[in-house]
Amino acid sequence: MRVSLYGTTDVGRVRSSNEDGFVLHDLDRRGTIDPPAARARPVGRRGVLLAVCDGMGGHAAGEVASSLALETLEEEMERLKDTCPRPDLMKEAVTAVNERVWQEARLHPKLAGMGTTLTSLWFHGGRVYLAHVGDSRAYLFRDGRTQQLSDEVAPELRTTLEQARKTLGAAQQVLATDSPAQGDLRETLQEVTKAAETVRSLADYLERHPESLIRGKRTGDDKK
């Protein structure tokens, strides 16, 4: 497998500081690809890691979060053993990233509330593993077509939101008529409340367990 890579970031016209960050890392050579550009670069036995982060938190906190996340991801992917199953290896790395950013925010009052998105690709063994937390998107461009691989809403959460939306729609229809079914409206609204509680529970779970968003995707043999 060979990959062509390029990375850049810009502060833009609005903000004074750049809270974005990225890394291109060759795990075989154990180092960052610098300058951040390569054409048809061979992927070695341990693979190539790409990642982008968009920090948040105000002042310098967002910049700290994105830098810390990328630094930790590189360290963890270097440290984990080759014998670890490949999807599990990336899950463990992302879990460590989440824990470190959370701990730093907890220990330093000036960084309280900081966070970051993380979208990472690991090219390894003919597969591409995608780790995604937040709303920094990953796309696949192939044969003239663009496909979004990442999803800002996890499938489990999207299903629950859709169920809540349908239930609320049914309640609104009942309220708009003189139907005797209004007597059952209390029960319907209770269902909406339960759905909302489920959404909150899922959101809390995904915040604590970002590894649940890890996916692996096999590349086409013709693209190696």
C-alpha atoms as a PDB file:
ATOM      1  CA  MET A   1       0.000   0.000   0.000  1.00  0.00           C
ATOM      2  CA  ARG A   2       1.135   3.544  -0.785  1.00  0.00           C
ATOM      3  CA  VAL A   3      -0.364   6.819   0.438  1.00  0.00           C
ATOM      4  CA  SER A   4      -0.119  10.440  -0.650  1.00  0.00           C
ATOM      5  CA  LEU A   5      -0.265  12.895   2.241  1.00  0.00           C
ATOM      6  CA  TYR A   6      -0.497  16.619   2.833  1.00  0.00           C
ATOM      7  CA  GLY A   7      -1.315  18.630   5.916  1.00  0.00           C
ATOM      8  CA  THR A   8      -1.769  22.318   6.694  1.00  0.00           C
ATOM      9  CA  THR A   9      -3.787  24.539   9.008  1.00  0.00           C
ATOM     10  CA  ASP A  10      -4.533  28.259   9.228  1.00  0.00           C
ATOM     11  CA  VAL A  11      -5.794  30.555  11.974  1.00  0.00           C
ATOM     12  CA  GLY A  12      -8.340  32.140   9.619  1.00  0.00           C
ATOM     13  CA  ARG A  13      -9.610  35.723   9.636  1.00  0.00           C
ATOM     14  CA  VAL A  14     -11.602  35.798  12.869  1.00  0.00           C
ATOM     15  CA  ARG A  15      -9.584  34.306  15.726  1.00  0.00           C
ATOM     16  CA  SER A  16      -6.211  35.415  17.029  1.00  0.00           C
ATOM     17  CA  SER A  17      -5.020  31.927  17.956  1.00  0.00           C
ATOM     18  CA  ASN A  18      -5.095  28.654  16.077  1.00  0.00           C
ATOM     19  CA  GLU A  19      -6.812  25.869  18.020  1.00  0.00           C
ATOM     20  CA  ASP A  20      -6.490  23.346  15.183  1.00  0.00           C
ATOM     21  CA  GLY A  21      -3.732  20.790  14.911  1.00  0.00           C
ATOM     22  CA  PHE A  22      -2.749  17.792  12.815  1.00  0.00           C
ATOM     23  CA  VAL A  23      -0.115  15.108  12.639  1.00  0.00           C
ATOM     24  CA  LEU A  24       1.281  12.820   9.936  1.00  0.00           C
ATOM     25  CA  HIS A  25       3.242  10.065  11.641  1.00  0.00           C
ATOM     26  CA  ASP A  26       5.209   7.142  10.221  1.00  0.00           C
ATOM     27  CA  LEU A  27       4.991   4.415  12.860  1.00  0.00           C
ATOM     28  CA  ASP A  28       7.671   2.344  11.136  1.00  0.00           C
ATOM     29  CA  ARG A  29      10.225   5.124  11.293  1.00  0.00           C
ATOM     30  CA  ARG A  30       8.849   6.293  14.641  1.00  0.00           C
ATOM     31  CA  GLY A  31       8.658   9.933  13.693  1.00  0.00           C
ATOM     32  CA  THR A  32       6.552  12.768  12.300  1.00  0.00           C
ATOM     33  CA  ILE A  33       6.547  13.160   8.534  1.00  0.00           C
ATOM     34  CA  ASP A  34       8.235  16.535   8.053  1.00  0.00           C
ATOM     35  CA  PRO A  35       7.615  18.475   5.892  1.00  0.00           C
ATOM     36  CA  PRO A  36       3.958  17.328   6.095  1.00  0.00           C
ATOM     37  CA  ALA A  37       3.669  16.180   2.495  1.00  0.00           C
ATOM     38  CA  ALA A  38       4.428  12.981   0.594  1.00  0.00           C
ATOM     39  CA  ARG A  39       3.427  11.331  -2.671  1.00  0.00           C
ATOM     40  CA  ALA A  40       3.040   7.559  -3.023  1.00  0.00           C
ATOM     41  CA  ARG A  41       4.780   6.923   0.285  1.00  0.00           C
ATOM     42  CA  PRO A  42       5.074   3.198   1.116  1.00  0.00           C
ATOM     43  CA  VAL A  43       3.194   2.101   4.230  1.00  0.00           C
ATOM     44  CA  GLY A  44       5.466   0.019   6.429  1.00  0.00           C
ATOM     45  CA  ARG A  45       4.698  -2.892   8.731  1.00  0.00           C
ATOM     46  CA  ARG A  46       3.484  -0.701  11.619  1.00  0.00           C
ATOM     47  CA  GLY A  47       1.593   1.691   9.380  1.00  0.00           C
ATOM     48  CA  VAL A  48       1.041   5.422   8.947  1.00  0.00           C
ATOM     49  CA  LEU A  49      -1.058   7.531  11.331  1.00  0.00           C
ATOM     50  CA  LEU A  50      -2.942  10.690  10.321  1.00  0.00           C
ATOM     51  CA  ALA A  51      -4.945  12.830  12.730  1.00  0.00           C
ATOM     52  CA  VAL A  52      -6.603  16.223  13.011  1.00  0.00           C
ATOM     53  CA  CYS A  53      -7.955  17.970  16.116  1.00  0.00           C
ATOM     54  CA  ASP A  54     -10.060  21.085  16.603  1.00  0.00           C
ATOM     55  CA  GLY A  55      -9.670  22.330  20.159  1.00  0.00           C
ATOM     56  CA  MET A  56     -12.244  24.250  22.166  1.00  0.00           C
ATOM     57  CA  GLY A  57     -12.402  25.958  25.520  1.00  0.00           C
ATOM     58  CA  GLY A  58     -11.540  29.618  25.023  1.00  0.00           C
ATOM     59  CA  HIS A  59      -8.289  31.535  25.472  1.00  0.00           C
ATOM     60  CA  ALA A  60      -5.390  29.093  25.030  1.00  0.00           C
ATOM     61  CA  ALA A  61      -7.286  26.060  26.348  1.00  0.00           C
ATOM     62  CA  GLY A  62      -8.424  24.848  22.928  1.00  0.00           C
ATOM     63  CA  GLU A  63      -4.910  24.981  21.563  1.00  0.00           C
ATOM     64  CA  VAL A  64      -3.633  23.063  24.589  1.00  0.00           C
ATOM     65  CA  ALA A  65      -6.337  20.395  24.182  1.00  0.00           C
ATOM     66  CA  SER A  66      -5.659  19.747  20.491  1.00  0.00           C
ATOM     67  CA  SER A  67      -1.864  19.669  20.965  1.00  0.00           C
ATOM     68  CA  LEU A  68      -2.153  17.385  23.984  1.00  0.00           C
ATOM     69  CA  ALA A  69      -4.495  15.024  22.162  1.00  0.00           C
ATOM     70  CA  LEU A  70      -2.206  14.689  19.140  1.00  0.00           C
ATOM     71  CA  GLU A  71       0.891  14.243  21.296  1.00  0.00           C
ATOM     72  CA  THR A  72      -0.805  11.545  23.370  1.00  0.00           C
ATOM     73  CA  LEU A  73      -2.163   9.734  20.307  1.00  0.00           C
ATOM     74  CA  GLU A  74       1.309   9.528  18.776  1.00  0.00           C
ATOM     75  CA  GLU A  75       2.825   8.286  22.029  1.00  0.00           C
ATOM     76  CA  GLU A  76       0.151   5.650  22.576  1.00  0.00           C
ATOM     77  CA  MET A  77       0.275   4.307  19.016  1.00  0.00           C
ATOM     78  CA  GLU A  78       4.059   4.018  19.316  1.00  0.00           C
ATOM     79  CA  ARG A  79       3.873   2.317  22.703  1.00  0.00           C
ATOM     80  CA  LEU A  80       1.225  -0.331  22.084  1.00  0.00           C
ATOM     81  CA  LYS A  81       2.477  -3.764  21.102  1.00  0.00           C
ATOM     82  CA  ASP A  82       2.109  -5.302  17.652  1.00  0.00           C
ATOM     83  CA  THR A  83       0.412  -8.324  19.244  1.00  0.00           C
ATOM     84  CA  CYS A  84      -2.582  -6.224  20.275  1.00  0.00           C
ATOM     85  CA  PRO A  85      -5.549  -6.701  17.869  1.00  0.00           C
ATOM     86  CA  ARG A  86      -5.511  -3.751  15.496  1.00  0.00           C
ATOM     87  CA  PRO A  87      -8.986  -2.297  16.259  1.00  0.00           C
ATOM     88  CA  ASP A  88      -8.327  -2.700  19.992  1.00  0.00           C
ATOM     89  CA  LEU A  89      -4.969  -0.962  19.659  1.00  0.00           C
ATOM     90  CA  MET A  90      -6.559   2.183  18.287  1.00  0.00           C
ATOM     91  CA  LYS A  91      -9.390   2.018  20.817  1.00  0.00           C
ATOM     92  CA  GLU A  92      -6.883   1.951  23.657  1.00  0.00           C
ATOM     93  CA  ALA A  93      -4.974   4.881  22.187  1.00  0.00           C
ATOM     94  CA  VAL A  94      -8.092   7.055  21.828  1.00  0.00           C
ATOM     95  CA  THR A  95      -9.229   6.142  25.340  1.00  0.00           C
ATOM     96  CA  ALA A  96      -5.839   7.287  26.658  1.00  0.00           C
ATOM     97  CA  VAL A  97      -6.180  10.564  24.732  1.00  0.00           C
ATOM     98  CA  ASN A  98      -9.593  11.199  26.275  1.00  0.00           C
ATOM     99  CA  GLU A  99      -8.333  10.430  29.773  1.00  0.00           C
ATOM    100  CA  ARG A 100      -5.286  12.686  29.507  1.00  0.00           C
ATOM    101  CA  VAL A 101      -7.201  15.708  28.176  1.00  0.00           C
ATOM    102  CA  TRP A 102      -9.863  15.243  30.865  1.00  0.00           C
ATOM    103  CA  GLN A 103      -7.265  14.940  33.645  1.00  0.00           C
ATOM    104  CA  GLU A 104      -5.373  18.045  32.519  1.00  0.00           C
ATOM    105  CA  ALA A 105      -8.594  20.061  32.448  1.00  0.00           C
ATOM    106  CA  ARG A 106      -9.471  18.797  35.917  1.00  0.00           C
ATOM    107  CA  LEU A 107      -6.061  19.562  37.442  1.00  0.00           C
ATOM    108  CA  HIS A 108      -5.576  23.051  36.007  1.00  0.00           C
ATOM    109  CA  PRO A 109      -8.362  25.601  36.667  1.00  0.00           C
ATOM    110  CA  LYS A 110      -7.302  27.761  33.708  1.00  0.00           C
ATOM    111  CA  LEU A 111      -7.981  24.803  31.406  1.00  0.00           C
ATOM    112  CA  ALA A 112     -11.342  23.862  32.905  1.00  0.00           C
ATOM    113  CA  GLY A 113     -13.867  22.982  30.224  1.00  0.00           C
ATOM    114  CA  MET A 114     -11.334  22.470  27.469  1.00  0.00           C
ATOM    115  CA  GLY A 115     -11.875  19.736  24.915  1.00  0.00           C
ATOM    116  CA  THR A 116     -11.118  18.763  21.360  1.00  0.00           C
ATOM    117  CA  THR A 117     -12.430  16.818  18.424  1.00  0.00           C
ATOM    118  CA  LEU A 118     -10.330  13.963  17.069  1.00  0.00           C
ATOM    119  CA  THR A 119     -10.468  12.390  13.638  1.00  0.00           C
ATOM    120  CA  SER A 120      -7.710   9.923  12.882  1.00  0.00           C
ATOM    121  CA  LEU A 121      -6.846   7.429  10.154  1.00  0.00           C
ATOM    122  CA  TRP A 122      -4.436   4.543  10.603  1.00  0.00           C
ATOM    123  CA  PHE A 123      -3.224   2.860   7.399  1.00  0.00           C
ATOM    124  CA  HIS A 124      -2.112  -0.640   8.313  1.00  0.00           C
ATOM    125  CA  GLY A 125      -2.087  -4.074   6.701  1.00  0.00           C
ATOM    126  CA  GLY A 126      -4.316  -3.192   3.745  1.00  0.00           C
ATOM    127  CA  ARG A 127      -6.930  -1.578   5.973  1.00  0.00           C
ATOM    128  CA  VAL A 128      -7.755   1.955   7.048  1.00  0.00           C
ATOM    129  CA  TYR A 129      -8.961   2.334  10.642  1.00  0.00           C
ATOM    130  CA  LEU A 130     -11.005   5.429  11.417  1.00  0.00           C
ATOM    131  CA  ALA A 131     -11.295   6.907  14.913  1.00  0.00           C
ATOM    132  CA  HIS A 132     -13.753   9.765  15.182  1.00  0.00           C
ATOM    133  CA  VAL A 133     -14.912  11.910  18.102  1.00  0.00           C
ATOM    134  CA  GLY A 134     -16.714  15.211  17.509  1.00  0.00           C
ATOM    135  CA  ASP A 135     -17.448  17.046  14.276  1.00  0.00           C
ATOM    136  CA  SER A 136     -14.115  17.115  12.407  1.00  0.00           C
ATOM    137  CA  ARG A 137     -15.057  15.165   9.311  1.00  0.00           C
ATOM    138  CA  ALA A 138     -13.367  12.384   7.341  1.00  0.00           C
ATOM    139  CA  TYR A 139     -14.145  11.890   3.647  1.00  0.00           C
ATOM    140  CA  LEU A 140     -13.354   9.255   1.054  1.00  0.00           C
ATOM    141  CA  PHE A 141     -12.774  10.586  -2.465  1.00  0.00           C
ATOM    142  CA  ARG A 142     -12.739   7.820  -5.069  1.00  0.00           C
ATOM    143  CA  ASP A 143     -13.618   7.586  -8.769  1.00  0.00           C
ATOM    144  CA  GLY A 144     -14.771  11.197  -8.848  1.00  0.00           C
ATOM    145  CA  ARG A 145     -17.175  10.774  -5.914  1.00  0.00           C
ATOM    146  CA  THR A 146     -16.944  12.067  -2.332  1.00  0.00           C
ATOM    147  CA  GLN A 147     -18.334  10.044   0.574  1.00  0.00           C
ATOM    148  CA  GLN A 148     -18.421  11.220   4.181  1.00  0.00           C
ATOM    149  CA  LEU A 149     -17.091   8.439   6.421  1.00  0.00           C
ATOM    150  CA  SER A 150     -17.507  10.097   9.802  1.00  0.00           C
ATOM    151  CA  ASP A 151     -20.780  10.902  11.510  1.00  0.00           C
ATOM    152  CA  GLU A 152     -21.335  13.709  14.008  1.00  0.00           C
ATOM    153  CA  VAL A 153     -24.039  11.604  15.656  1.00  0.00           C
ATOM    154  CA  ALA A 154     -23.378   7.981  16.650  1.00  0.00           C
ATOM    155  CA  PRO A 155     -25.836   5.462  15.099  1.00  0.00           C
ATOM    156  CA  GLU A 156     -27.253   4.550  18.514  1.00  0.00           C
ATOM    157  CA  LEU A 157     -27.909   8.187  19.324  1.00  0.00           C
ATOM    158  CA  ARG A 158     -29.357   8.900  15.878  1.00  0.00           C
ATOM    159  CA  THR A 159     -31.883   6.038  16.278  1.00  0.00           C
ATOM    160  CA  THR A 160     -32.978   7.328  19.674  1.00  0.00           C
ATOM    161  CA  LEU A 161     -33.340  10.885  18.384  1.00  0.00           C
ATOM    162  CA  GLU A 162     -35.474   9.644  15.513  1.00  0.00           C
ATOM    163  CA  GLN A 163     -37.727   7.712  17.885  1.00  0.00           C
ATOM    164  CA  ALA A 164     -38.131  10.787  20.095  1.00  0.00           C
ATOM    165  CA  ARG A 165     -38.931  12.927  17.054  1.00  0.00           C
ATOM    166  CA  LYS A 166     -41.660  10.539  15.893  1.00  0.00           C
ATOM    167  CA  THR A 167     -43.206  10.330  19.348  1.00  0.00           C
ATOM    168  CA  LEU A 168     -43.254  14.100  19.720  1.00  0.00           C
ATOM    169  CA  GLY A 169     -44.818  14.429  16.263  1.00  0.00           C
ATOM    170  CA  ALA A 170     -47.612  12.065  17.267  1.00  0.00           C
ATOM    171  CA  ALA A 171     -48.278  14.094  20.420  1.00  0.00           C
ATOM    172  CA  GLN A 172     -48.485  17.317  18.417  1.00  0.00           C
ATOM    173  CA  GLN A 173     -51.034  15.755  16.047  1.00  0.00           C
ATOM    174  CA  VAL A 174     -53.243  14.760  18.955  1.00  0.00           C
ATOM    175  CA  LEU A 175     -53.103  18.274  20.409  1.00  0.00           C
ATOM    176  CA  ALA A 176     -54.125  19.774  17.067  1.00  0.00           C
ATOM    177  CA  THR A 177     -57.410  17.812  16.898  1.00  0.00           C
ATOM    178  CA  ASP A 178     -60.467  17.133  19.031  1.00  0.00           C
ATOM    179  CA  SER A 179     -59.687  13.443  19.067  1.00  0.00           C
ATOM    180  CA  PRO A 180     -60.644  11.421  22.152  1.00  0.00           C
ATOM    181  CA  ALA A 181     -57.034  10.232  22.017  1.00  0.00           C
ATOM    182  CA  GLN A 182     -56.119  13.349  23.949  1.00  0.00           C
ATOM    183  CA  GLY A 183     -56.818  11.287  27.024  1.00  0.00           C
ATOM    184  CA  ASP A 184     -53.752   9.208  26.158  1.00  0.00           C
ATOM    185  CA  LEU A 185     -51.576  12.270  25.665  1.00  0.00           C
ATOM    186  CA  ARG A 186     -50.116  12.044  29.148  1.00  0.00           C
ATOM    187  CA  GLU A 187     -48.767   8.576  28.379  1.00  0.00           C
ATOM    188  CA  THR A 188     -47.345   9.783  25.062  1.00  0.00           C
ATOM    189  CA  LEU A 189     -45.536  12.672  26.703  1.00  0.00           C
ATOM    190  CA  GLN A 190     -44.101  10.283  29.254  1.00  0.00           C
ATOM    191  CA  GLU A 191     -42.614   8.315  26.355  1.00  0.00           C
ATOM    192  CA  VAL A 192     -41.031  11.525  25.053  1.00  0.00           C
ATOM    193  CA  THR A 193     -39.508  12.164  28.460  1.00  0.00           C
ATOM    194  CA  LYS A 194     -38.086   8.634  28.602  1.00  0.00           C
ATOM    195  CA  ALA A 195     -36.594   9.054  25.117  1.00  0.00           C
ATOM    196  CA  ALA A 196     -34.967  12.341  26.154  1.00  0.00           C
ATOM    197  CA  GLU A 197     -33.446  10.644  29.203  1.00  0.00           C
ATOM    198  CA  THR A 198     -32.073   7.896  26.958  1.00  0.00           C
ATOM    199  CA  VAL A 199     -30.487  10.515  24.679  1.00  0.00           C
ATOM    200  CA  ARG A 200     -28.785  12.124  27.663  1.00  0.00           C
ATOM    201  CA  SER A 201     -27.551   8.727  28.888  1.00  0.00           C
ATOM    202  CA  LEU A 202     -26.112   7.885  25.476  1.00  0.00           C
ATOM    203  CA  ALA A 203     -24.417  11.256  25.212  1.00  0.00           C
ATOM    204  CA  ASP A 204     -22.824  10.746  28.632  1.00  0.00           C
ATOM    205  CA  TYR A 205     -21.707   7.241  27.672  1.00  0.00           C
ATOM    206  CA  LEU A 206     -20.126   8.377  24.395  1.00  0.00           C
ATOM    207  CA  GLU A 207     -18.301  11.169  26.188  1.00  0.00           C
ATOM    208  CA  ARG A 208     -16.783   8.659  28.608  1.00  0.00           C
ATOM    209  CA  HIS A 209     -16.159   5.972  25.964  1.00  0.00           C
ATOM    210  CA  PRO A 210     -15.056   7.606  22.671  1.00  0.00           C
ATOM    211  CA  GLU A 211     -13.613   4.261  21.573  1.00  0.00           C
ATOM    212  CA  SER A 212     -17.169   3.158  20.765  1.00  0.00           C
ATOM    213  CA  LEU A 213     -16.884   5.226  17.578  1.00  0.00           C
ATOM    214  CA  ILE A 214     -13.897   3.286  16.206  1.00  0.00           C
ATOM    215  CA  ARG A 215     -14.354   1.671  12.826  1.00  0.00           C
ATOM    216  CA  GLY A 216     -12.171  -0.220  10.340  1.00  0.00           C
ATOM    217  CA  LYS A 217     -12.483  -0.039   6.567  1.00  0.00           C
ATOM    218  CA  ARG A 218     -10.649  -2.190   4.040  1.00  0.00           C
ATOM    219  CA  THR A 219      -9.101  -0.398   1.111  1.00  0.00           C
ATOM    220  CA  GLY A 220      -9.608  -1.694  -2.437  1.00  0.00           C
ATOM    221  CA  ASP A 221      -6.802  -3.880  -3.753  1.00  0.00           C
ATOM    222  CA  ASP A 222      -6.604  -1.671  -6.811  1.00  0.00           C
ATOM    223  CA  LYS A 223      -5.760   1.307  -4.603  1.00  0.00           C
ATOM    224  CA  LYS A 224      -2.627  -0.167  -3.037  1.00  0.00           C
END
